[in-house]
PDB file of N, CA and C in Angstrom:
ATOM      1  N   MET A   1     -30.989 148.858-127.974  1.00  0.00           N
ATOM      2  CA  MET A   1     -30.989 148.757-130.273  1.00  0.00           C
ATOM      3  C   MET A   1     -32.145 149.853-130.147  1.00  0.00           C
ATOM      4  N   SER A   2     -30.880 150.805-131.258  1.00  0.00           N
ATOM      5  CA  SER A   2     -32.387 151.848-131.435  1.00  0.00           C
ATOM      6  C   SER A   2     -33.388 151.514-132.072  1.00  0.00           C
ATOM      7  N   LYS A   3     -34.197 152.597-131.774  1.00  0.00           N
ATOM      8  CA  LYS A   3     -36.205 152.751-132.339  1.00  0.00           C
ATOM      9  C   LYS A   3     -35.796 152.422-134.298  1.00  0.00           C
ATOM     10  N   VAL A   4     -34.945 153.205-134.794  1.00  0.00           N
ATOM     11  CA  VAL A   4     -34.873 152.681-136.051  1.00  0.00           C
ATOM     12  C   VAL A   4     -34.678 151.434-136.135  1.00  0.00           C
ATOM     13  N   ILE A   5     -33.717 150.764-135.817  1.00  0.00           N
ATOM     14  CA  ILE A   5     -33.567 149.614-136.385  1.00  0.00           C
ATOM     15  C   ILE A   5     -34.262 148.912-136.191  1.00  0.00           C
ATOM     16  N   GLU A   6     -35.160 148.690-134.788  1.00  0.00           N
ATOM     17  CA  GLU A   6     -35.786 147.517-133.959  1.00  0.00           C
ATOM     18  C   GLU A   6     -37.209 147.861-135.284  1.00  0.00           C
ATOM     19  N   ALA A   7     -37.434 148.528-135.831  1.00  0.00           N
ATOM     20  CA  ALA A   7     -38.731 149.396-136.697  1.00  0.00           C
ATOM     21  C   ALA A   7     -37.948 148.257-138.115  1.00  0.00           C
ATOM     22  N   VAL A   8     -37.017 148.605-138.370  1.00  0.00           N
ATOM     23  CA  VAL A   8     -36.538 147.708-139.515  1.00  0.00           C
ATOM     24  C   VAL A   8     -36.741 146.665-139.318  1.00  0.00           C
ATOM     25  N   LEU A   9     -36.347 145.987-138.331  1.00  0.00           N
ATOM     26  CA  LEU A   9     -35.846 144.641-137.960  1.00  0.00           C
ATOM     27  C   LEU A   9     -37.199 143.816-138.435  1.00  0.00           C
ATOM     28  N   ARG A  10     -38.546 144.241-138.298  1.00  0.00           N
ATOM     29  CA  ARG A  10     -39.677 143.989-137.927  1.00  0.00           C
ATOM     30  C   ARG A  10     -40.596 143.311-139.689  1.00  0.00           C
ATOM     31  N   ARG A  11     -39.864 144.296-139.549  1.00  0.00           N
ATOM     32  CA  ARG A  11     -40.611 144.132-141.782  1.00  0.00           C
ATOM     33  C   ARG A  11     -39.569 143.853-142.741  1.00  0.00           C
ATOM     34  N   LEU A  12     -39.866 142.915-143.918  1.00  0.00           N
ATOM     35  CA  LEU A  12     -38.711 142.908-145.096  1.00  0.00           C
ATOM     36  C   LEU A  12     -38.819 144.212-145.379  1.00  0.00           C
ATOM     37  N   THR A  13     -36.743 144.180-145.968  1.00  0.00           N
ATOM     38  CA  THR A  13     -36.530 145.637-146.787  1.00  0.00           C
ATOM     39  C   THR A  13     -37.381 144.216-148.492  1.00  0.00           C
ATOM     40  N   LYS A  14     -37.251 145.695-149.541  1.00  0.00           N
ATOM     41  CA  LYS A  14     -37.454 145.289-150.235  1.00  0.00           C
ATOM     42  C   LYS A  14     -36.446 144.392-151.521  1.00  0.00           C
ATOM     43  N   TYR A  15     -35.213 144.558-150.802  1.00  0.00           N
ATOM     44  CA  TYR A  15     -33.829 143.876-151.717  1.00  0.00           C
ATOM     45  C   TYR A  15     -34.787 142.330-150.955  1.00  0.00           C
ATOM     46  N   GLU A  16     -35.067 142.408-149.528  1.00  0.00           N
ATOM     47  CA  GLU A  16     -35.527 140.596-149.045  1.00  0.00           C
ATOM     48  C   GLU A  16     -36.674 140.568-150.062  1.00  0.00           C
ATOM     49  N   ILE A  17     -37.805 140.908-150.414  1.00  0.00           N
ATOM     50  CA  ILE A  17     -38.654 140.642-150.583  1.00  0.00           C
ATOM     51  C   ILE A  17     -38.430 140.272-152.413  1.00  0.00           C
ATOM     52  N   ALA A  18     -37.038 140.758-152.830  1.00  0.00           N
ATOM     53  CA  ALA A  18     -37.308 140.594-154.230  1.00  0.00           C
ATOM     54  C   ALA A  18     -36.220 138.903-154.153  1.00  0.00           C
ATOM     55  N   ARG A  19     -35.518 139.555-152.949  1.00  0.00           N
ATOM     56  CA  ARG A  19     -34.496 137.901-152.975  1.00  0.00           C
ATOM     57  C   ARG A  19     -35.529 136.533-153.094  1.00  0.00           C
ATOM     58  N   ILE A  20     -36.719 136.596-151.631  1.00  0.00           N
ATOM     59  CA  ILE A  20     -36.971 135.513-151.448  1.00  0.00           C
ATOM     60  C   ILE A  20     -38.536 135.131-152.817  1.00  0.00           C
ATOM     61  N   VAL A  21     -38.616 136.582-153.034  1.00  0.00           N
ATOM     62  CA  VAL A  21     -39.620 136.384-154.444  1.00  0.00           C
ATOM     63  C   VAL A  21     -39.215 135.256-155.606  1.00  0.00           C
ATOM     64  N   GLY A  22     -37.919 136.112-155.884  1.00  0.00           N
ATOM     65  CA  GLY A  22     -37.314 135.427-157.084  1.00  0.00           C
ATOM     66  C   GLY A  22     -36.634 134.055-156.711  1.00  0.00           C
ATOM     67  N   ALA A  23     -35.866 133.816-155.283  1.00  0.00           N
ATOM     68  CA  ALA A  23     -36.084 132.156-155.232  1.00  0.00           C
ATOM     69  C   ALA A  23     -37.438 130.978-155.302  1.00  0.00           C
ATOM     70  N   ARG A  24     -38.620 132.082-154.240  1.00  0.00           N
ATOM     71  CA  ARG A  24     -39.694 131.125-154.414  1.00  0.00           C
ATOM     72  C   ARG A  24     -40.324 131.011-155.774  1.00  0.00           C
ATOM     73  N   ALA A  25     -40.025 132.255-156.666  1.00  0.00           N
ATOM     74  CA  ALA A  25     -40.349 131.449-158.298  1.00  0.00           C
ATOM     75  C   ALA A  25     -39.839 130.849-158.893  1.00  0.00           C
ATOM     76  N   LEU A  26     -37.889 130.679-158.903  1.00  0.00           N
ATOM     77  CA  LEU A  26     -37.439 129.963-159.556  1.00  0.00           C
ATOM     78  C   LEU A  26     -37.817 128.407-159.296  1.00  0.00           C
ATOM     79  N   GLN A  27     -38.282 128.422-157.813  1.00  0.00           N
ATOM     80  CA  GLN A  27     -39.097 127.130-157.491  1.00  0.00           C
ATOM     81  C   GLN A  27     -39.974 126.301-157.930  1.00  0.00           C
ATOM     82  N   LEU A  28     -40.829 127.539-158.590  1.00  0.00           N
ATOM     83  CA  LEU A  28     -42.349 126.809-159.396  1.00  0.00           C
ATOM     84  C   LEU A  28     -41.951 127.200-160.380  1.00  0.00           C
ATOM     85  N   SER A  29     -40.966 127.218-160.934  1.00  0.00           N
ATOM     86  CA  SER A  29     -41.124 127.393-162.398  1.00  0.00           C
ATOM     87  C   SER A  29     -40.662 125.862-162.558  1.00  0.00           C
ATOM     88  N   PHE A  30     -39.612 124.986-161.465  1.00  0.00           N
ATOM     89  CA  PHE A  30     -39.316 123.716-161.547  1.00  0.00           C
ATOM     90  C   PHE A  30     -40.117 122.878-161.312  1.00  0.00           C
ATOM     91  N   GLY A  31     -41.444 123.249-160.969  1.00  0.00           N
ATOM     92  CA  GLY A  31     -42.380 122.754-161.020  1.00  0.00           C
ATOM     93  C   GLY A  31     -42.627 122.263-159.804  1.00  0.00           C
ATOM     94  N   ALA A  32     -42.171 123.039-158.191  1.00  0.00           N
ATOM     95  CA  ALA A  32     -42.519 123.279-157.222  1.00  0.00           C
ATOM     96  C   ALA A  32     -44.635 123.209-157.092  1.00  0.00           C
ATOM     97  N   PRO A  33     -44.821 122.280-156.007  1.00  0.00           N
ATOM     98  CA  PRO A  33     -46.415 123.061-156.360  1.00  0.00           C
ATOM     99  C   PRO A  33     -46.832 123.879-154.908  1.00  0.00           C
ATOM    100  N   PRO A  34     -47.423 125.224-156.344  1.00  0.00           N
ATOM    101  CA  PRO A  34     -48.565 126.299-155.337  1.00  0.00           C
ATOM    102  C   PRO A  34     -49.104 126.104-153.473  1.00  0.00           C
ATOM    103  N   LEU A  35     -48.832 127.012-153.112  1.00  0.00           N
ATOM    104  CA  LEU A  35     -48.878 126.659-151.409  1.00  0.00           C
ATOM    105  C   LEU A  35     -50.011 127.054-151.328  1.00  0.00           C
ATOM    106  N   ILE A  36     -50.316 128.329-151.992  1.00  0.00           N
ATOM    107  CA  ILE A  36     -52.258 128.673-152.630  1.00  0.00           C
ATOM    108  C   ILE A  36     -52.747 128.431-153.610  1.00  0.00           C
ATOM    109  N   ASP A  37     -54.705 128.467-153.452  1.00  0.00           N
ATOM    110  CA  ASP A  37     -55.265 127.243-154.354  1.00  0.00           C
ATOM    111  C   ASP A  37     -54.881 128.889-155.392  1.00  0.00           C
ATOM    112  N   LEU A  38     -54.696 128.056-156.942  1.00  0.00           N
ATOM    113  CA  LEU A  38     -54.103 129.369-157.711  1.00  0.00           C
ATOM    114  C   LEU A  38     -56.526 129.145-158.271  1.00  0.00           C
ATOM    115  N   SER A  39     -56.954 128.234-157.865  1.00  0.00           N
ATOM    116  CA  SER A  39     -58.508 128.572-159.109  1.00  0.00           C
ATOM    117  C   SER A  39     -59.389 129.645-157.848  1.00  0.00           C
ATOM    118  N   LYS A  40     -58.739 129.936-157.196  1.00  0.00           N
ATOM    119  CA  LYS A  40     -59.745 130.864-156.897  1.00  0.00           C
ATOM    120  C   LYS A  40     -58.882 132.775-157.303  1.00  0.00           C
ATOM    121  N   LEU A  41     -57.547 132.245-157.755  1.00  0.00           N
ATOM    122  CA  LEU A  41     -57.325 133.855-158.398  1.00  0.00           C
ATOM    123  C   LEU A  41     -57.189 133.508-159.845  1.00  0.00           C
ATOM    124  N   ASN A  42     -57.470 134.512-160.467  1.00  0.00           N
ATOM    125  CA  ASN A  42     -57.590 134.723-161.898  1.00  0.00           C
ATOM    126  C   ASN A  42     -56.477 136.291-162.399  1.00  0.00           C
ATOM    127  N   ILE A  43     -55.677 135.062-162.031  1.00  0.00           N
ATOM    128  CA  ILE A  43     -54.219 135.372-162.766  1.00  0.00           C
ATOM    129  C   ILE A  43     -53.507 134.331-163.754  1.00  0.00           C
ATOM    130  N   LYS A  44     -53.014 134.881-164.534  1.00  0.00           N
ATOM    131  CA  LYS A  44     -51.848 133.567-165.479  1.00  0.00           C
ATOM    132  C   LYS A  44     -51.100 132.863-164.445  1.00  0.00           C
ATOM    133  N   LYS A  45     -50.437 132.174-164.337  1.00  0.00           N
ATOM    134  CA  LYS A  45     -49.574 130.880-164.267  1.00  0.00           C
ATOM    135  C   LYS A  45     -47.945 131.660-164.134  1.00  0.00           C
ATOM    136  N   ASP A  46     -48.030 132.825-163.766  1.00  0.00           N
ATOM    137  CA  ASP A  46     -47.109 133.284-163.774  1.00  0.00           C
ATOM    138  C   ASP A  46     -46.230 132.589-162.208  1.00  0.00           C
ATOM    139  N   PRO A  47     -45.051 132.258-162.308  1.00  0.00           N
ATOM    140  CA  PRO A  47     -44.505 131.877-160.991  1.00  0.00           C
ATOM    141  C   PRO A  47     -44.412 133.133-159.921  1.00  0.00           C
ATOM    142  N   VAL A  48     -44.173 134.348-160.517  1.00  0.00           N
ATOM    143  CA  VAL A  48     -43.438 135.575-159.540  1.00  0.00           C
ATOM    144  C   VAL A  48     -44.615 136.082-159.458  1.00  0.00           C
ATOM    145  N   ILE A  49     -45.684 136.198-159.945  1.00  0.00           N
ATOM    146  CA  ILE A  49     -46.930 137.020-159.055  1.00  0.00           C
ATOM    147  C   ILE A  49     -46.761 135.687-158.294  1.00  0.00           C
ATOM    148  N   ILE A  50     -46.997 134.505-158.842  1.00  0.00           N
ATOM    149  CA  ILE A  50     -47.987 133.438-157.544  1.00  0.00           C
ATOM    150  C   ILE A  50     -46.783 132.979-156.269  1.00  0.00           C
ATOM    151  N   ALA A  51     -45.443 133.529-156.338  1.00  0.00           N
ATOM    152  CA  ALA A  51     -44.975 133.651-155.078  1.00  0.00           C
ATOM    153  C   ALA A  51     -44.699 135.181-154.444  1.00  0.00           C
ATOM    154  N   LEU A  52     -45.576 135.771-155.110  1.00  0.00           N
ATOM    155  CA  LEU A  52     -45.912 137.298-154.913  1.00  0.00           C
ATOM    156  C   LEU A  52     -47.054 137.531-153.618  1.00  0.00           C
ATOM    157  N   ILE A  53     -47.540 136.007-154.039  1.00  0.00           N
ATOM    158  CA  ILE A  53     -48.905 136.445-153.501  1.00  0.00           C
ATOM    159  C   ILE A  53     -48.881 135.393-152.405  1.00  0.00           C
ATOM    160  N   GLU A  54     -47.743 134.622-152.703  1.00  0.00           N
ATOM    161  CA  GLU A  54     -47.477 133.780-151.462  1.00  0.00           C
ATOM    162  C   GLU A  54     -47.324 134.463-150.132  1.00  0.00           C
ATOM    163  N   LEU A  55     -46.001 135.245-150.662  1.00  0.00           N
ATOM    164  CA  LEU A  55     -45.633 136.025-150.007  1.00  0.00           C
ATOM    165  C   LEU A  55     -46.330 137.162-149.186  1.00  0.00           C
ATOM    166  N   TYR A  56     -46.780 137.532-149.583  1.00  0.00           N
ATOM    167  CA  TYR A  56     -48.452 138.389-149.076  1.00  0.00           C
ATOM    168  C   TYR A  56     -49.165 137.521-148.259  1.00  0.00           C
ATOM    169  N   GLU A  57     -49.449 136.432-148.745  1.00  0.00           N
ATOM    170  CA  GLU A  57     -50.664 135.772-147.422  1.00  0.00           C
ATOM    171  C   GLU A  57     -49.101 135.003-146.131  1.00  0.00           C
ATOM    172  N   GLY A  58     -48.197 135.165-146.701  1.00  0.00           N
ATOM    173  CA  GLY A  58     -47.478 134.505-145.510  1.00  0.00           C
ATOM    174  C   GLY A  58     -47.807 132.919-145.555  1.00  0.00           C
ATOM    175  N   VAL A  59     -47.303 132.566-146.341  1.00  0.00           N
ATOM    176  CA  VAL A  59     -47.219 131.070-146.639  1.00  0.00           C
ATOM    177  C   VAL A  59     -46.170 129.784-146.755  1.00  0.00           C
ATOM    178  N   LEU A  60     -45.397 131.537-147.042  1.00  0.00           N
ATOM    179  CA  LEU A  60     -44.016 130.689-147.425  1.00  0.00           C
ATOM    180  C   LEU A  60     -42.925 129.972-146.300  1.00  0.00           C
ATOM    181  N   PRO A  61     -42.514 129.068-146.244  1.00  0.00           N
ATOM    182  CA  PRO A  61     -41.520 128.510-145.290  1.00  0.00           C
ATOM    183  C   PRO A  61     -40.067 128.706-145.597  1.00  0.00           C
ATOM    184  N   ILE A  62     -40.140 130.123-145.531  1.00  0.00           N
ATOM    185  CA  ILE A  62     -38.967 130.246-145.587  1.00  0.00           C
ATOM    186  C   ILE A  62     -38.262 131.379-144.341  1.00  0.00           C
ATOM    187  N   THR A  63     -37.254 131.660-144.017  1.00  0.00           N
ATOM    188  CA  THR A  63     -36.326 132.212-142.758  1.00  0.00           C
ATOM    189  C   THR A  63     -35.395 132.822-143.851  1.00  0.00           C
ATOM    190  N   THR A  64     -35.205 134.129-143.500  1.00  0.00           N
ATOM    191  CA  THR A  64     -34.325 134.750-143.824  1.00  0.00           C
ATOM    192  C   THR A  64     -33.383 135.082-142.277  1.00  0.00           C
ATOM    193  N   CYS A  65     -32.438 135.463-142.806  1.00  0.00           N
ATOM    194  CA  CYS A  65     -30.694 135.641-141.521  1.00  0.00           C
ATOM    195  C   CYS A  65     -30.651 137.343-142.166  1.00  0.00           C
ATOM    196  N   ARG A  66     -30.298 138.221-140.890  1.00  0.00           N
ATOM    197  CA  ARG A  66     -29.804 139.107-141.250  1.00  0.00           C
ATOM    198  C   ARG A  66     -28.716 139.072-139.757  1.00  0.00           C
ATOM    199  N   VAL A  67     -27.978 140.359-140.283  1.00  0.00           N
ATOM    200  CA  VAL A  67     -26.541 140.266-139.813  1.00  0.00           C
ATOM    201  C   VAL A  67     -27.029 142.091-139.049  1.00  0.00           C
ATOM    202  N   LEU A  68     -26.838 141.844-137.467  1.00  0.00           N
ATOM    203  CA  LEU A  68     -27.628 143.291-137.129  1.00  0.00           C
ATOM    204  C   LEU A  68     -25.927 143.864-137.288  1.00  0.00           C
ATOM    205  N   PRO A  69     -26.158 145.674-136.734  1.00  0.00           N
ATOM    206  CA  PRO A  69     -25.011 146.366-136.949  1.00  0.00           C
ATOM    207  C   PRO A  69     -23.637 145.719-135.511  1.00  0.00           C
ATOM    208  N   SER A  70     -24.689 145.382-134.159  1.00  0.00           N
ATOM    209  CA  SER A  70     -23.651 145.018-133.334  1.00  0.00           C
ATOM    210  C   SER A  70     -22.959 143.235-133.555  1.00  0.00           C
ATOM    211  N   GLY A  71     -22.933 142.847-134.736  1.00  0.00           N
ATOM    212  CA  GLY A  71     -22.522 141.879-135.537  1.00  0.00           C
ATOM    213  C   GLY A  71     -23.174 140.559-135.280  1.00  0.00           C
ATOM    214  N   ARG A  72     -24.352 140.409-134.344  1.00  0.00           N
ATOM    215  CA  ARG A  72     -25.032 139.405-133.743  1.00  0.00           C
ATOM    216  C   ARG A  72     -26.242 139.365-135.045  1.00  0.00           C
ATOM    217  N   ARG A  73     -26.180 137.855-135.595  1.00  0.00           N
ATOM    218  CA  ARG A  73     -27.005 136.680-136.361  1.00  0.00           C
ATOM    219  C   ARG A  73     -28.203 137.122-136.090  1.00  0.00           C
ATOM    220  N   GLU A  74     -29.493 137.561-136.580  1.00  0.00           N
ATOM    221  CA  GLU A  74     -30.860 136.986-136.233  1.00  0.00           C
ATOM    222  C   GLU A  74     -31.035 136.552-137.333  1.00  0.00           C
ATOM    223  N   CYS A  75     -32.004 135.478-137.432  1.00  0.00           N
ATOM    224  CA  CYS A  75     -32.422 134.615-138.039  1.00  0.00           C
ATOM    225  C   CYS A  75     -34.466 134.384-137.925  1.00  0.00           C
ATOM    226  N   LYS A  76     -35.463 134.684-138.357  1.00  0.00           N
ATOM    227  CA  LYS A  76     -36.316 135.130-138.315  1.00  0.00           C
ATOM    228  C   LYS A  76     -37.473 134.587-139.414  1.00  0.00           C
ATOM    229  N   PRO A  77     -38.333 133.312-139.080  1.00  0.00           N
ATOM    230  CA  PRO A  77     -39.671 133.253-140.289  1.00  0.00           C
ATOM    231  C   PRO A  77     -40.195 133.856-141.022  1.00  0.00           C
ATOM    232  N   VAL A  78     -40.101 134.003-142.278  1.00  0.00           N
ATOM    233  CA  VAL A  78     -40.708 135.190-143.349  1.00  0.00           C
ATOM    234  C   VAL A  78     -42.035 135.707-142.625  1.00  0.00           C
ATOM    235  N   GLY A  79     -42.690 134.666-142.299  1.00  0.00           N
ATOM    236  CA  GLY A  79     -44.079 134.745-141.920  1.00  0.00           C
ATOM    237  C   GLY A  79     -44.258 135.597-140.787  1.00  0.00           C
ATOM    238  N   GLU A  80     -43.180 135.883-139.959  1.00  0.00           N
ATOM    239  CA  GLU A  80     -43.390 136.903-138.798  1.00  0.00           C
ATOM    240  C   GLU A  80     -43.066 138.284-139.527  1.00  0.00           C
ATOM    241  N   LEU A  81     -42.328 138.697-140.433  1.00  0.00           N
ATOM    242  CA  LEU A  81     -41.758 139.505-140.915  1.00  0.00           C
ATOM    243  C   LEU A  81     -42.967 140.388-142.120  1.00  0.00           C
ATOM    244  N   VAL A  82     -43.962 139.158-142.839  1.00  0.00           N
ATOM    245  CA  VAL A  82     -44.766 139.482-143.677  1.00  0.00           C
ATOM    246  C   VAL A  82     -45.908 141.228-142.641  1.00  0.00           C
ATOM    247  N   PRO A  83     -46.287 141.100-141.714  1.00  0.00           N
ATOM    248  CA  PRO A  83     -47.408 141.645-141.336  1.00  0.00           C
ATOM    249  C   PRO A  83     -46.878 143.550-141.334  1.00  0.00           C
ATOM    250  N   GLU A  84     -45.675 143.452-141.190  1.00  0.00           N
ATOM    251  CA  GLU A  84     -45.263 144.883-141.412  1.00  0.00           C
ATOM    252  C   GLU A  84     -44.926 145.253-142.763  1.00  0.00           C
ATOM    253  N   SER A  85     -45.223 144.352-143.512  1.00  0.00           N
ATOM    254  CA  SER A  85     -44.322 144.841-145.025  1.00  0.00           C
ATOM    255  C   SER A  85     -45.643 144.632-146.198  1.00  0.00           C
ATOM    256  N   ARG A  86     -46.506 143.985-145.585  1.00  0.00           N
ATOM    257  CA  ARG A  86     -47.755 143.753-146.597  1.00  0.00           C
ATOM    258  C   ARG A  86     -48.580 144.822-147.639  1.00  0.00           C
ATOM    259  N   GLU A  87     -47.766 145.837-146.271  1.00  0.00           N
ATOM    260  CA  GLU A  87     -48.798 147.371-147.261  1.00  0.00           C
ATOM    261  C   GLU A  87     -48.098 147.297-148.280  1.00  0.00           C
ATOM    262  N   PHE A  88     -46.549 147.562-148.457  1.00  0.00           N
ATOM    263  CA  PHE A  88     -45.782 147.491-149.788  1.00  0.00           C
ATOM    264  C   PHE A  88     -45.818 146.553-151.017  1.00  0.00           C
ATOM    265  N   ILE A  89     -46.282 145.281-149.978  1.00  0.00           N
ATOM    266  CA  ILE A  89     -46.388 143.736-151.360  1.00  0.00           C
ATOM    267  C   ILE A  89     -48.250 144.385-151.810  1.00  0.00           C
ATOM    268  N   ARG A  90     -48.960 144.563-151.204  1.00  0.00           N
ATOM    269  CA  ARG A  90     -50.401 144.965-151.661  1.00  0.00           C
ATOM    270  C   ARG A  90     -50.394 145.375-152.828  1.00  0.00           C
ATOM    271  N   ARG A  91     -49.498 146.653-152.934  1.00  0.00           N
ATOM    272  CA  ARG A  91     -49.119 147.884-153.782  1.00  0.00           C
ATOM    273  C   ARG A  91     -48.557 147.526-154.357  1.00  0.00           C
ATOM    274  N   THR A  92     -47.665 146.924-154.502  1.00  0.00           N
ATOM    275  CA  THR A  92     -47.006 146.188-155.626  1.00  0.00           C
ATOM    276  C   THR A  92     -47.677 145.332-156.143  1.00  0.00           C
ATOM    277  N   LEU A  93     -48.465 144.337-156.094  1.00  0.00           N
ATOM    278  CA  LEU A  93     -48.952 143.489-156.491  1.00  0.00           C
ATOM    279  C   LEU A  93     -50.503 144.020-157.200  1.00  0.00           C
ATOM    280  N   GLU A  94     -50.567 145.324-156.807  1.00  0.00           N
ATOM    281  CA  GLU A  94     -51.592 146.047-157.201  1.00  0.00           C
ATOM    282  C   GLU A  94     -51.383 147.499-158.481  1.00  0.00           C
ATOM    283  N   SER A  95     -49.913 147.249-159.108  1.00  0.00           N
ATOM    284  CA  SER A  95     -49.465 148.369-159.099  1.00  0.00           C
ATOM    285  C   SER A  95     -48.672 147.233-161.004  1.00  0.00           C
ATOM    286  N   TRP A  96     -49.762 145.654-160.633  1.00  0.00           N
ATOM    287  CA  TRP A  96     -49.388 144.998-161.527  1.00  0.00           C
ATOM    288  C   TRP A  96     -50.537 144.614-162.188  1.00  0.00           C
ATOM    289  N   GLY A  97     -51.798 145.089-161.437  1.00  0.00           N
ATOM    290  CA  GLY A  97     -53.459 145.289-162.267  1.00  0.00           C
ATOM    291  C   GLY A  97     -53.671 143.465-161.417  1.00  0.00           C
ATOM    292  N   ILE A  98     -53.468 143.489-160.277  1.00  0.00           N
ATOM    293  CA  ILE A  98     -53.869 141.962-159.324  1.00  0.00           C
ATOM    294  C   ILE A  98     -54.236 142.438-158.328  1.00  0.00           C
ATOM    295  N   HIS A  99     -55.412 142.548-157.547  1.00  0.00           N
ATOM    296  CA  HIS A  99     -56.017 142.567-156.345  1.00  0.00           C
ATOM    297  C   HIS A  99     -56.001 141.597-155.804  1.00  0.00           C
ATOM    298  N   PRO A 100     -55.222 141.404-154.617  1.00  0.00           N
ATOM    299  CA  PRO A 100     -54.952 139.808-153.344  1.00  0.00           C
ATOM    300  C   PRO A 100     -56.651 139.988-152.725  1.00  0.00           C
TER     301      PRO A 100
END
């Protein structure tokens, strides 16, 4: 496998982040309990922001599956992919005026 593909497989794409945050925000809007302590955060209770912070902190019990160019399917827990994507998520939160 090429080094470029290996580098991409170690992080979440912006499309995967959007899909994960959207799915988790929907769960939160239907009453799912947050996986982070909201009392420590100085934010309004917006499900999208909460979901993005949960993703940033790597606490979401979600697995993402990808089909590789070889046709093989690879499934990984999101928590394993967050460290490489953390900077992108942090910049997104900061652009919204939230400092994790």
